[in-house]
């Protein structure tokens, strides 16, 4: 949810480059608090969040803790684990389904409903 109360349910996350993980270490905010590294890293690799593009660190700072943890999990699965499937839930009907994180915008069909998601 952004500062205006708009809920953003779709976004695009790209694979991280080595520089994406190294460059934030030079940021003073990371030197003061190492936990800030995750905020800077996500703001670099999340290309779009709803209608927000690029996604500045201030947007990541304002995420609910559960949303922040969810995006961190996607980052780890996409970049480190090699497991590119994630279990998620449709916000409209509550149905759980697997989402393949590889590729561009995918159509995911479950019980006849089509959802578009991009990560």
C-alpha atoms as a PDB file:
ATOM      1  CA  UNK A   1       0.000   0.000   0.000  1.00  0.00           C
ATOM      2  CA  UNK A   2       1.452   3.369  -0.934  1.00  0.00           C
ATOM      3  CA  UNK A   3       1.237   6.666   0.951  1.00  0.00           C
ATOM      4  CA  UNK A   4      -2.052   7.492  -0.819  1.00  0.00           C
ATOM      5  CA  UNK A   5      -3.652   4.219   0.284  1.00  0.00           C
ATOM      6  CA  UNK A   6      -3.447   2.547  -3.144  1.00  0.00           C
ATOM      7  CA  UNK A   7      -2.910  -1.212  -2.948  1.00  0.00           C
ATOM      8  CA  UNK A   8      -0.335  -2.570  -5.399  1.00  0.00           C
ATOM      9  CA  UNK A   9      -0.690  -6.308  -6.031  1.00  0.00           C
ATOM     10  CA  UNK A  10       1.504  -6.737  -9.113  1.00  0.00           C
ATOM     11  CA  UNK A  11       5.138  -6.021  -9.734  1.00  0.00           C
ATOM     12  CA  UNK A  12       8.261  -6.966 -11.593  1.00  0.00           C
ATOM     13  CA  UNK A  13      11.491  -8.148  -9.994  1.00  0.00           C
ATOM     14  CA  UNK A  14      14.597  -8.813 -12.055  1.00  0.00           C
ATOM     15  CA  UNK A  15      17.525 -11.076 -11.290  1.00  0.00           C
ATOM     16  CA  UNK A  16      20.179  -9.372  -9.198  1.00  0.00           C
ATOM     17  CA  UNK A  17      23.597  -8.553 -10.592  1.00  0.00           C
ATOM     18  CA  UNK A  18      26.752  -8.704  -8.492  1.00  0.00           C
ATOM     19  CA  UNK A  19      26.860  -4.898  -8.399  1.00  0.00           C
ATOM     20  CA  UNK A  20      23.318  -4.819  -6.956  1.00  0.00           C
ATOM     21  CA  UNK A  21      24.611  -6.626  -3.882  1.00  0.00           C
ATOM     22  CA  UNK A  22      27.913  -4.747  -3.592  1.00  0.00           C
ATOM     23  CA  UNK A  23      26.973  -1.124  -4.288  1.00  0.00           C
ATOM     24  CA  UNK A  24      24.514  -0.716  -1.356  1.00  0.00           C
ATOM     25  CA  UNK A  25      27.340  -1.609   1.036  1.00  0.00           C
ATOM     26  CA  UNK A  26      28.833   1.832   0.262  1.00  0.00           C
ATOM     27  CA  UNK A  27      25.618   3.601   1.278  1.00  0.00           C
ATOM     28  CA  UNK A  28      25.908   5.348   4.656  1.00  0.00           C
ATOM     29  CA  UNK A  29      22.515   4.033   5.780  1.00  0.00           C
ATOM     30  CA  UNK A  30      23.863   0.484   5.489  1.00  0.00           C
ATOM     31  CA  UNK A  31      26.963   1.377   7.481  1.00  0.00           C
ATOM     32  CA  UNK A  32      24.776   2.653  10.319  1.00  0.00           C
ATOM     33  CA  UNK A  33      22.343  -0.288  10.161  1.00  0.00           C
ATOM     34  CA  UNK A  34      23.227  -3.455   8.220  1.00  0.00           C
ATOM     35  CA  UNK A  35      19.541  -4.393   7.994  1.00  0.00           C
ATOM     36  CA  UNK A  36      19.070  -1.443   5.615  1.00  0.00           C
ATOM     37  CA  UNK A  37      20.948  -3.461   2.971  1.00  0.00           C
ATOM     38  CA  UNK A  38      17.776  -5.468   2.266  1.00  0.00           C
ATOM     39  CA  UNK A  39      15.792  -2.291   1.644  1.00  0.00           C
ATOM     40  CA  UNK A  40      18.364  -0.924  -0.801  1.00  0.00           C
ATOM     41  CA  UNK A  41      18.758  -4.268  -2.524  1.00  0.00           C
ATOM     42  CA  UNK A  42      15.025  -4.735  -3.065  1.00  0.00           C
ATOM     43  CA  UNK A  43      14.671  -1.178  -4.353  1.00  0.00           C
ATOM     44  CA  UNK A  44      17.335  -1.972  -6.975  1.00  0.00           C
ATOM     45  CA  UNK A  45      15.844  -5.260  -8.232  1.00  0.00           C
ATOM     46  CA  UNK A  46      12.123  -4.463  -8.025  1.00  0.00           C
ATOM     47  CA  UNK A  47      11.599  -2.801 -11.377  1.00  0.00           C
ATOM     48  CA  UNK A  48       7.936  -1.992 -10.858  1.00  0.00           C
ATOM     49  CA  UNK A  49       5.500  -2.229  -7.968  1.00  0.00           C
ATOM     50  CA  UNK A  50       1.997  -1.520  -9.192  1.00  0.00           C
ATOM     51  CA  UNK A  51       2.296   1.796 -11.023  1.00  0.00           C
ATOM     52  CA  UNK A  52       5.475   2.791  -9.184  1.00  0.00           C
ATOM     53  CA  UNK A  53       8.594   2.610 -11.344  1.00  0.00           C
ATOM     54  CA  UNK A  54      11.389   2.924 -10.451  1.00  0.00           C
ATOM     55  CA  UNK A  55      10.857   1.800  -6.854  1.00  0.00           C
ATOM     56  CA  UNK A  56      12.802   4.068  -4.480  1.00  0.00           C
ATOM     57  CA  UNK A  57      14.007   2.864  -1.062  1.00  0.00           C
ATOM     58  CA  UNK A  58      11.327   4.998   0.615  1.00  0.00           C
ATOM     59  CA  UNK A  59       8.618   2.785  -0.939  1.00  0.00           C
ATOM     60  CA  UNK A  60      10.312  -0.367   0.357  1.00  0.00           C
ATOM     61  CA  UNK A  61      10.658   1.281   3.802  1.00  0.00           C
ATOM     62  CA  UNK A  62       6.897   1.814   3.880  1.00  0.00           C
ATOM     63  CA  UNK A  63       5.924  -1.790   3.163  1.00  0.00           C
ATOM     64  CA  UNK A  64       4.108  -3.821   5.783  1.00  0.00           C
ATOM     65  CA  UNK A  65       6.532  -6.242   7.448  1.00  0.00           C
ATOM     66  CA  UNK A  66       4.726  -9.254   5.956  1.00  0.00           C
ATOM     67  CA  UNK A  67       4.960  -7.803   2.424  1.00  0.00           C
ATOM     68  CA  UNK A  68       8.635  -6.982   2.938  1.00  0.00           C
ATOM     69  CA  UNK A  69       9.306 -10.559   4.109  1.00  0.00           C
ATOM     70  CA  UNK A  70       7.386 -11.943   1.110  1.00  0.00           C
ATOM     71  CA  UNK A  71       9.489  -9.899  -1.333  1.00  0.00           C
ATOM     72  CA  UNK A  72      12.678 -10.966   0.448  1.00  0.00           C
ATOM     73  CA  UNK A  73      11.608 -14.606   0.084  1.00  0.00           C
ATOM     74  CA  UNK A  74      11.017 -14.113  -3.632  1.00  0.00           C
ATOM     75  CA  UNK A  75      14.442 -12.465  -3.951  1.00  0.00           C
ATOM     76  CA  UNK A  76      16.168 -15.388  -2.211  1.00  0.00           C
ATOM     77  CA  UNK A  77      14.331 -18.014  -4.234  1.00  0.00           C
ATOM     78  CA  UNK A  78      14.978 -16.199  -7.482  1.00  0.00           C
ATOM     79  CA  UNK A  79      18.647 -15.393  -6.907  1.00  0.00           C
ATOM     80  CA  UNK A  80      20.079 -17.865  -4.424  1.00  0.00           C
ATOM     81  CA  UNK A  81      18.079 -21.064  -3.970  1.00  0.00           C
ATOM     82  CA  UNK A  82      17.520 -21.981  -7.587  1.00  0.00           C
ATOM     83  CA  UNK A  83      13.959 -22.877  -6.529  1.00  0.00           C
ATOM     84  CA  UNK A  84      11.876 -20.617  -8.688  1.00  0.00           C
ATOM     85  CA  UNK A  85       8.471 -21.889  -7.584  1.00  0.00           C
ATOM     86  CA  UNK A  86       6.666 -20.052  -4.823  1.00  0.00           C
ATOM     87  CA  UNK A  87       3.386 -20.835  -3.117  1.00  0.00           C
ATOM     88  CA  UNK A  88       1.052 -17.859  -3.107  1.00  0.00           C
ATOM     89  CA  UNK A  89      -2.628 -17.052  -2.632  1.00  0.00           C
ATOM     90  CA  UNK A  90      -5.099 -15.256  -4.876  1.00  0.00           C
ATOM     91  CA  UNK A  91      -6.115 -12.028  -3.076  1.00  0.00           C
ATOM     92  CA  UNK A  92      -9.603 -12.192  -4.616  1.00  0.00           C
ATOM     93  CA  UNK A  93     -10.727 -15.779  -4.008  1.00  0.00           C
ATOM     94  CA  UNK A  94      -8.155 -17.060  -1.493  1.00  0.00           C
ATOM     95  CA  UNK A  95      -7.093 -20.035  -3.631  1.00  0.00           C
ATOM     96  CA  UNK A  96      -3.504 -21.214  -3.109  1.00  0.00           C
ATOM     97  CA  UNK A  97      -1.441 -21.886  -6.217  1.00  0.00           C
ATOM     98  CA  UNK A  98       2.157 -22.323  -7.317  1.00  0.00           C
ATOM     99  CA  UNK A  99       3.785 -19.482  -9.205  1.00  0.00           C
ATOM    100  CA  UNK A 100       6.824 -19.941 -11.432  1.00  0.00           C
ATOM    101  CA  UNK A 101       9.141 -16.967 -10.903  1.00  0.00           C
ATOM    102  CA  UNK A 102      11.019 -17.486 -14.170  1.00  0.00           C
ATOM    103  CA  UNK A 103      10.218 -15.432 -17.235  1.00  0.00           C
ATOM    104  CA  UNK A 104       8.257 -12.333 -17.992  1.00  0.00           C
ATOM    105  CA  UNK A 105       4.568 -11.904 -17.287  1.00  0.00           C
ATOM    106  CA  UNK A 106       3.004 -15.330 -16.871  1.00  0.00           C
ATOM    107  CA  UNK A 107      -0.614 -16.366 -16.914  1.00  0.00           C
ATOM    108  CA  UNK A 108      -1.413 -18.677 -14.058  1.00  0.00           C
ATOM    109  CA  UNK A 109      -4.614 -20.651 -14.345  1.00  0.00           C
ATOM    110  CA  UNK A 110      -6.235 -22.368 -11.407  1.00  0.00           C
ATOM    111  CA  UNK A 111      -9.851 -23.594 -11.322  1.00  0.00           C
ATOM    112  CA  UNK A 112     -10.664 -21.640 -14.459  1.00  0.00           C
ATOM    113  CA  UNK A 113      -9.498 -18.271 -13.151  1.00  0.00           C
ATOM    114  CA  UNK A 114      -6.630 -16.551 -14.911  1.00  0.00           C
ATOM    115  CA  UNK A 115      -4.307 -14.314 -12.952  1.00  0.00           C
ATOM    116  CA  UNK A 116      -1.465 -12.255 -14.287  1.00  0.00           C
ATOM    117  CA  UNK A 117       1.591 -11.891 -12.164  1.00  0.00           C
ATOM    118  CA  UNK A 118       5.043 -10.651 -12.891  1.00  0.00           C
ATOM    119  CA  UNK A 119       8.082 -11.096 -10.719  1.00  0.00           C
END
